């Protein structure tokens, strides 16, 4: 399981859903900064109506589900790497030297490196 595609799609869905909600909103925002930080306030009033509400919420929910799937896929892929791990590369690829040309061509000293998949 690869977590990269659900992660990218989940982030894109979240961004699009939030963008739709913000695009179709009518509201006000105010901020008041004061020295005693207890007097500082931030007031955000968003009201979204129309198709932006349904589409935005659907995309946000889809994005959250895809991000949860990506986290699960990331955990599973890391566990599979730990369980099915083989530290020695020699068991994955068998390396041997073969002559690059035939013996009758006069290049018997030339060697090439080939890789074959390990079959056993």
N, C-alpha and C. Protein backbone atom coordinates (compact mmCIF):
# COMPACT_ATOMS: atom_id res chain seq x y z
N UNK A 1 0.84 -1.18 0.00
CA UNK A 1 0.00 0.00 0.00
C UNK A 1 0.88 1.24 0.00
N UNK A 2 0.61 2.12 -0.91
CA UNK A 2 1.39 3.35 -1.00
C UNK A 2 0.54 4.52 -0.53
N UNK A 3 1.05 5.28 0.44
CA UNK A 3 0.24 6.37 1.00
C UNK A 3 0.33 7.68 0.22
N UNK A 4 1.11 7.74 -0.85
CA UNK A 4 1.33 9.04 -1.50
C UNK A 4 0.10 9.53 -2.26
N UNK A 5 -0.57 8.68 -2.99
CA UNK A 5 -1.73 9.12 -3.77
C UNK A 5 -2.92 9.52 -2.90
N UNK A 6 -3.29 8.73 -1.88
CA UNK A 6 -4.39 9.21 -1.02
C UNK A 6 -4.03 10.49 -0.26
N UNK A 7 -2.76 10.66 0.08
CA UNK A 7 -2.34 11.87 0.78
C UNK A 7 -2.49 13.09 -0.11
N UNK A 8 -2.03 13.00 -1.33
CA UNK A 8 -2.13 14.14 -2.27
C UNK A 8 -3.59 14.45 -2.57
N UNK A 9 -4.39 13.41 -2.81
CA UNK A 9 -5.81 13.63 -3.11
C UNK A 9 -6.55 14.18 -1.90
N UNK A 10 -6.21 13.70 -0.71
CA UNK A 10 -6.86 14.20 0.51
C UNK A 10 -6.56 15.66 0.76
N UNK A 11 -5.31 16.07 0.57
CA UNK A 11 -4.95 17.48 0.75
C UNK A 11 -5.64 18.34 -0.30
N UNK A 12 -5.71 17.85 -1.54
CA UNK A 12 -6.39 18.61 -2.59
C UNK A 12 -7.88 18.76 -2.30
N UNK A 13 -8.51 17.69 -1.81
CA UNK A 13 -9.94 17.77 -1.46
C UNK A 13 -10.19 18.73 -0.30
N UNK A 14 -9.33 18.67 0.72
CA UNK A 14 -9.49 19.59 1.84
C UNK A 14 -9.33 21.04 1.40
N UNK A 15 -8.32 21.31 0.61
CA UNK A 15 -8.08 22.68 0.14
C UNK A 15 -9.23 23.18 -0.72
N UNK A 16 -9.75 22.32 -1.60
CA UNK A 16 -10.86 22.71 -2.45
C UNK A 16 -12.13 22.93 -1.64
N UNK A 17 -12.39 22.06 -0.66
CA UNK A 17 -13.58 22.22 0.18
C UNK A 17 -13.54 23.49 1.01
N UNK A 18 -12.40 23.77 1.61
CA UNK A 18 -12.27 25.00 2.39
C UNK A 18 -12.35 26.22 1.47
N UNK A 19 -11.77 26.11 0.29
CA UNK A 19 -11.84 27.20 -0.68
C UNK A 19 -13.27 27.48 -1.12
N UNK A 20 -14.07 26.42 -1.33
CA UNK A 20 -15.47 26.62 -1.71
C UNK A 20 -16.25 27.30 -0.59
N UNK A 21 -16.03 26.88 0.63
CA UNK A 21 -16.76 27.48 1.75
C UNK A 21 -16.37 28.94 1.91
N UNK A 22 -15.09 29.25 1.80
CA UNK A 22 -14.65 30.64 1.94
C UNK A 22 -15.09 31.48 0.75
N UNK A 23 -15.10 30.89 -0.45
CA UNK A 23 -15.47 31.63 -1.65
C UNK A 23 -16.93 32.11 -1.60
N UNK A 24 -17.81 31.26 -1.10
CA UNK A 24 -19.23 31.60 -1.09
C UNK A 24 -19.71 32.16 0.26
N UNK A 25 -18.79 32.59 1.11
CA UNK A 25 -19.22 33.08 2.42
C UNK A 25 -19.50 34.58 2.37
N UNK A 26 -20.38 34.98 3.27
CA UNK A 26 -20.63 36.39 3.53
C UNK A 26 -20.45 36.54 5.03
N UNK A 27 -19.56 37.42 5.39
CA UNK A 27 -19.32 37.57 6.82
C UNK A 27 -18.35 38.70 7.10
N UNK A 28 -18.05 38.83 8.36
CA UNK A 28 -17.13 39.87 8.79
C UNK A 28 -16.04 39.26 9.66
N UNK A 29 -14.94 39.96 9.71
CA UNK A 29 -13.83 39.54 10.56
C UNK A 29 -13.29 40.78 11.25
N UNK A 30 -13.03 40.65 12.52
CA UNK A 30 -12.45 41.78 13.25
C UNK A 30 -11.40 41.25 14.21
N UNK A 31 -10.40 42.09 14.44
CA UNK A 31 -9.33 41.73 15.36
C UNK A 31 -8.99 42.95 16.19
N UNK A 32 -8.80 42.72 17.48
CA UNK A 32 -8.45 43.79 18.39
C UNK A 32 -7.23 43.34 19.17
N UNK A 33 -6.11 44.02 19.00
CA UNK A 33 -4.87 43.68 19.71
C UNK A 33 -4.66 44.69 20.83
N UNK A 34 -4.40 44.19 22.02
CA UNK A 34 -4.18 45.05 23.18
C UNK A 34 -2.98 44.53 23.95
N UNK A 35 -2.37 45.43 24.76
CA UNK A 35 -1.18 45.01 25.50
C UNK A 35 -1.46 43.94 26.53
N UNK A 36 -2.37 44.11 27.43
CA UNK A 36 -2.62 42.90 28.22
C UNK A 36 -3.30 41.91 27.28
N UNK A 37 -2.60 40.86 26.98
CA UNK A 37 -3.05 39.94 25.94
C UNK A 37 -4.42 39.35 26.23
N UNK A 38 -4.86 39.44 27.46
CA UNK A 38 -6.21 38.96 27.77
C UNK A 38 -7.28 39.85 27.14
N UNK A 39 -6.92 41.07 26.76
CA UNK A 39 -7.87 41.97 26.12
C UNK A 39 -7.89 41.84 24.61
N UNK A 40 -7.00 41.06 24.03
CA UNK A 40 -6.98 40.86 22.57
C UNK A 40 -8.10 39.92 22.16
N UNK A 41 -8.73 40.25 21.04
CA UNK A 41 -9.83 39.41 20.55
C UNK A 41 -9.70 39.22 19.04
N UNK A 42 -10.24 38.11 18.59
CA UNK A 42 -10.36 37.82 17.16
C UNK A 42 -11.76 37.29 16.95
N UNK A 43 -12.53 37.95 16.12
CA UNK A 43 -13.91 37.57 15.87
C UNK A 43 -14.07 37.27 14.39
N UNK A 44 -14.46 36.03 14.07
CA UNK A 44 -14.70 35.63 12.68
C UNK A 44 -16.15 35.19 12.57
N UNK A 45 -16.87 35.80 11.66
CA UNK A 45 -18.28 35.48 11.45
C UNK A 45 -18.44 35.08 9.99
N UNK A 46 -18.57 33.77 9.75
CA UNK A 46 -18.73 33.26 8.39
C UNK A 46 -20.12 32.68 8.21
N UNK A 47 -20.75 33.06 7.13
CA UNK A 47 -22.05 32.48 6.76
C UNK A 47 -21.96 32.10 5.29
N UNK A 48 -22.09 30.82 5.03
CA UNK A 48 -22.02 30.34 3.65
C UNK A 48 -23.38 29.78 3.28
N UNK A 49 -23.83 30.10 2.09
CA UNK A 49 -25.12 29.60 1.62
C UNK A 49 -24.98 29.11 0.19
N UNK A 50 -25.89 28.25 -0.21
CA UNK A 50 -25.91 27.77 -1.58
C UNK A 50 -25.14 26.47 -1.76
N UNK A 51 -24.70 26.27 -2.98
CA UNK A 51 -24.02 25.03 -3.34
C UNK A 51 -22.65 24.91 -2.69
N UNK A 52 -22.07 26.01 -2.28
CA UNK A 52 -20.77 25.97 -1.62
C UNK A 52 -20.78 25.21 -0.31
N UNK A 53 -21.93 25.22 0.36
CA UNK A 53 -22.04 24.50 1.64
C UNK A 53 -21.98 22.99 1.41
N UNK A 54 -22.82 22.50 0.51
CA UNK A 54 -22.90 21.07 0.28
C UNK A 54 -21.61 20.55 -0.36
N UNK A 55 -21.14 21.24 -1.39
CA UNK A 55 -19.91 20.80 -2.06
C UNK A 55 -18.69 20.93 -1.17
N UNK A 56 -18.61 22.02 -0.43
CA UNK A 56 -17.47 22.22 0.45
C UNK A 56 -17.40 21.20 1.57
N UNK A 57 -18.54 20.94 2.21
CA UNK A 57 -18.56 19.95 3.28
C UNK A 57 -18.29 18.54 2.76
N UNK A 58 -18.83 18.22 1.58
CA UNK A 58 -18.58 16.89 1.00
C UNK A 58 -17.10 16.71 0.69
N UNK A 59 -16.47 17.73 0.14
CA UNK A 59 -15.04 17.64 -0.16
C UNK A 59 -14.18 17.59 1.10
N UNK A 60 -14.58 18.32 2.13
CA UNK A 60 -13.84 18.28 3.40
C UNK A 60 -13.94 16.89 4.03
N UNK A 61 -15.13 16.30 4.03
CA UNK A 61 -15.29 14.96 4.59
C UNK A 61 -14.49 13.94 3.78
N UNK A 62 -14.55 14.04 2.44
CA UNK A 62 -13.77 13.15 1.59
C UNK A 62 -12.27 13.32 1.83
N UNK A 63 -11.83 14.55 2.00
CA UNK A 63 -10.41 14.81 2.27
C UNK A 63 -9.97 14.23 3.60
N UNK A 64 -10.81 14.35 4.63
CA UNK A 64 -10.47 13.78 5.94
C UNK A 64 -10.40 12.26 5.86
N UNK A 65 -11.34 11.64 5.14
CA UNK A 65 -11.30 10.18 4.99
C UNK A 65 -10.06 9.73 4.22
N UNK A 66 -9.71 10.46 3.18
CA UNK A 66 -8.51 10.10 2.41
C UNK A 66 -7.23 10.29 3.22
N UNK A 67 -7.19 11.32 4.06
CA UNK A 67 -6.02 11.51 4.92
C UNK A 67 -5.93 10.41 5.97
N UNK A 68 -7.06 9.98 6.50
CA UNK A 68 -7.04 8.85 7.44
C UNK A 68 -6.58 7.58 6.74
N UNK A 69 -7.03 7.39 5.50
CA UNK A 69 -6.58 6.23 4.72
C UNK A 69 -5.09 6.31 4.44
N UNK A 70 -4.57 7.49 4.17
CA UNK A 70 -3.13 7.65 3.90
C UNK A 70 -2.31 7.35 5.15
N UNK A 71 -2.80 7.76 6.32
CA UNK A 71 -2.08 7.45 7.56
C UNK A 71 -2.07 5.95 7.80
N UNK A 72 -3.22 5.29 7.60
CA UNK A 72 -3.29 3.85 7.76
C UNK A 72 -2.38 3.14 6.75
N UNK A 73 -2.39 3.60 5.50
CA UNK A 73 -1.53 2.99 4.49
C UNK A 73 -0.07 3.21 4.80
N UNK A 74 0.27 4.36 5.37
CA UNK A 74 1.65 4.62 5.76
C UNK A 74 2.11 3.69 6.87
N UNK A 75 1.25 3.46 7.86
CA UNK A 75 1.59 2.53 8.94
C UNK A 75 1.76 1.11 8.40
N UNK A 76 0.83 0.69 7.55
CA UNK A 76 0.89 -0.66 6.99
C UNK A 76 2.13 -0.84 6.13
N UNK A 77 2.47 0.16 5.32
CA UNK A 77 3.65 0.02 4.46
C UNK A 77 4.93 -0.01 5.28
N UNK A 78 5.00 0.74 6.37
CA UNK A 78 6.18 0.69 7.23
C UNK A 78 6.29 -0.65 7.96
N UNK A 79 5.17 -1.18 8.40
CA UNK A 79 5.18 -2.49 9.05
C UNK A 79 5.58 -3.57 8.06
N UNK A 80 5.09 -3.48 6.83
CA UNK A 80 5.46 -4.47 5.82
C UNK A 80 6.94 -4.39 5.48
N UNK A 81 7.51 -3.19 5.51
CA UNK A 81 8.95 -3.06 5.28
C UNK A 81 9.74 -3.71 6.40
N UNK A 82 9.24 -3.60 7.64
CA UNK A 82 9.94 -4.22 8.76
C UNK A 82 9.81 -5.74 8.75
N UNK A 83 8.63 -6.23 8.41
CA UNK A 83 8.40 -7.67 8.45
C UNK A 83 9.08 -8.37 7.28
N UNK A 84 8.92 -7.84 6.09
CA UNK A 84 9.45 -8.50 4.90
C UNK A 84 10.81 -8.00 4.49
N UNK A 85 11.59 -7.51 5.41
CA UNK A 85 12.86 -6.88 5.10
C UNK A 85 13.97 -7.92 4.97
N UNK A 86 14.80 -7.74 3.95
CA UNK A 86 15.96 -8.59 3.75
C UNK A 86 17.15 -7.66 3.59
N UNK A 87 18.05 -7.65 4.58
CA UNK A 87 19.10 -6.66 4.62
C UNK A 87 20.19 -6.84 3.58
N UNK A 88 20.40 -8.03 3.11
CA UNK A 88 21.52 -8.23 2.19
C UNK A 88 21.05 -8.09 0.75
N UNK A 89 21.64 -7.16 0.03
CA UNK A 89 21.29 -6.93 -1.37
C UNK A 89 21.73 -8.09 -2.26
N UNK A 90 22.68 -8.90 -1.82
CA UNK A 90 23.15 -10.01 -2.64
C UNK A 90 22.08 -11.07 -2.82
N UNK A 91 21.16 -11.16 -1.89
CA UNK A 91 20.10 -12.14 -2.04
C UNK A 91 19.01 -11.65 -2.99
N UNK A 92 18.94 -10.35 -3.23
CA UNK A 92 17.94 -9.83 -4.15
C UNK A 92 18.45 -9.90 -5.59
N UNK A 93 19.66 -9.45 -5.82
CA UNK A 93 20.26 -9.49 -7.15
C UNK A 93 21.49 -10.38 -7.11
N UNK A 94 21.59 -11.25 -8.10
CA UNK A 94 22.76 -12.10 -8.24
C UNK A 94 23.65 -11.45 -9.29
N UNK A 95 24.88 -11.15 -8.92
CA UNK A 95 25.81 -10.50 -9.84
C UNK A 95 26.87 -11.50 -10.27
N UNK A 96 27.10 -11.51 -11.55
CA UNK A 96 28.16 -12.36 -12.08
C UNK A 96 28.77 -11.69 -13.29
N UNK A 97 30.00 -12.03 -13.57
CA UNK A 97 30.68 -11.44 -14.72
C UNK A 97 30.60 -12.41 -15.88
N UNK A 98 30.22 -11.85 -17.03
CA UNK A 98 30.16 -12.62 -18.27
C UNK A 98 30.98 -11.89 -19.31
N UNK A 99 31.43 -12.63 -20.27
CA UNK A 99 32.18 -12.01 -21.38
C UNK A 99 31.24 -11.14 -22.19
N UNK A 100 31.68 -9.93 -22.51
CA UNK A 100 30.85 -9.02 -23.26
C UNK A 100 30.74 -9.43 -24.72
N UNK A 101 31.75 -10.08 -25.26
CA UNK A 101 31.75 -10.51 -26.65
C UNK A 101 32.07 -12.00 -26.70
N UNK A 102 31.81 -12.60 -27.81
CA UNK A 102 32.12 -14.01 -28.00
C UNK A 102 33.63 -14.21 -28.08
N UNK A 103 34.06 -15.41 -27.80
CA UNK A 103 35.49 -15.73 -27.78
C UNK A 103 36.13 -15.59 -29.16
N UNK A 104 35.39 -15.86 -30.21
CA UNK A 104 35.99 -15.84 -31.55
C UNK A 104 36.18 -14.43 -32.10
N UNK A 105 35.70 -13.41 -31.43
CA UNK A 105 35.86 -12.06 -31.92
C UNK A 105 37.16 -11.43 -31.42
N UNK A 106 37.87 -12.08 -30.56
CA UNK A 106 39.14 -11.56 -30.12
C UNK A 106 39.07 -10.60 -28.95
N UNK A 107 37.96 -10.47 -28.31
CA UNK A 107 37.82 -9.57 -27.16
C UNK A 107 37.56 -10.38 -25.90
N UNK A 108 38.34 -11.36 -25.65
CA UNK A 108 38.08 -12.24 -24.52
C UNK A 108 38.36 -11.57 -23.18
N UNK A 109 39.12 -10.47 -23.18
CA UNK A 109 39.43 -9.79 -21.93
C UNK A 109 38.36 -8.82 -21.48
N UNK A 110 37.38 -8.48 -22.33
CA UNK A 110 36.33 -7.53 -21.98
C UNK A 110 35.26 -8.23 -21.17
N UNK A 111 34.91 -7.63 -20.05
CA UNK A 111 33.89 -8.20 -19.18
C UNK A 111 32.77 -7.19 -18.98
N UNK A 112 31.55 -7.68 -18.85
CA UNK A 112 30.41 -6.82 -18.59
C UNK A 112 29.70 -7.29 -17.33
N UNK A 113 29.03 -6.40 -16.65
CA UNK A 113 28.33 -6.72 -15.42
C UNK A 113 26.85 -6.83 -15.73
N UNK A 114 26.25 -7.96 -15.42
CA UNK A 114 24.82 -8.16 -15.67
C UNK A 114 24.13 -8.43 -14.37
N UNK A 115 22.85 -8.09 -14.29
CA UNK A 115 22.05 -8.33 -13.10
C UNK A 115 20.90 -9.24 -13.46
N UNK A 116 20.72 -10.29 -12.71
CA UNK A 116 19.61 -11.22 -12.87
C UNK A 116 18.84 -11.27 -11.57
N UNK A 117 17.52 -11.37 -11.68
CA UNK A 117 16.72 -11.48 -10.46
C UNK A 117 16.97 -12.82 -9.81
N UNK A 118 17.03 -12.81 -8.50
CA UNK A 118 17.25 -14.04 -7.73
C UNK A 118 15.99 -14.88 -7.79
N UNK A 119 16.12 -16.15 -8.13
CA UNK A 119 14.96 -17.00 -8.29
C UNK A 119 14.75 -17.93 -7.11
N UNK A 120 15.57 -17.91 -6.16
CA UNK A 120 15.37 -18.87 -5.09
C UNK A 120 15.69 -18.32 -3.82
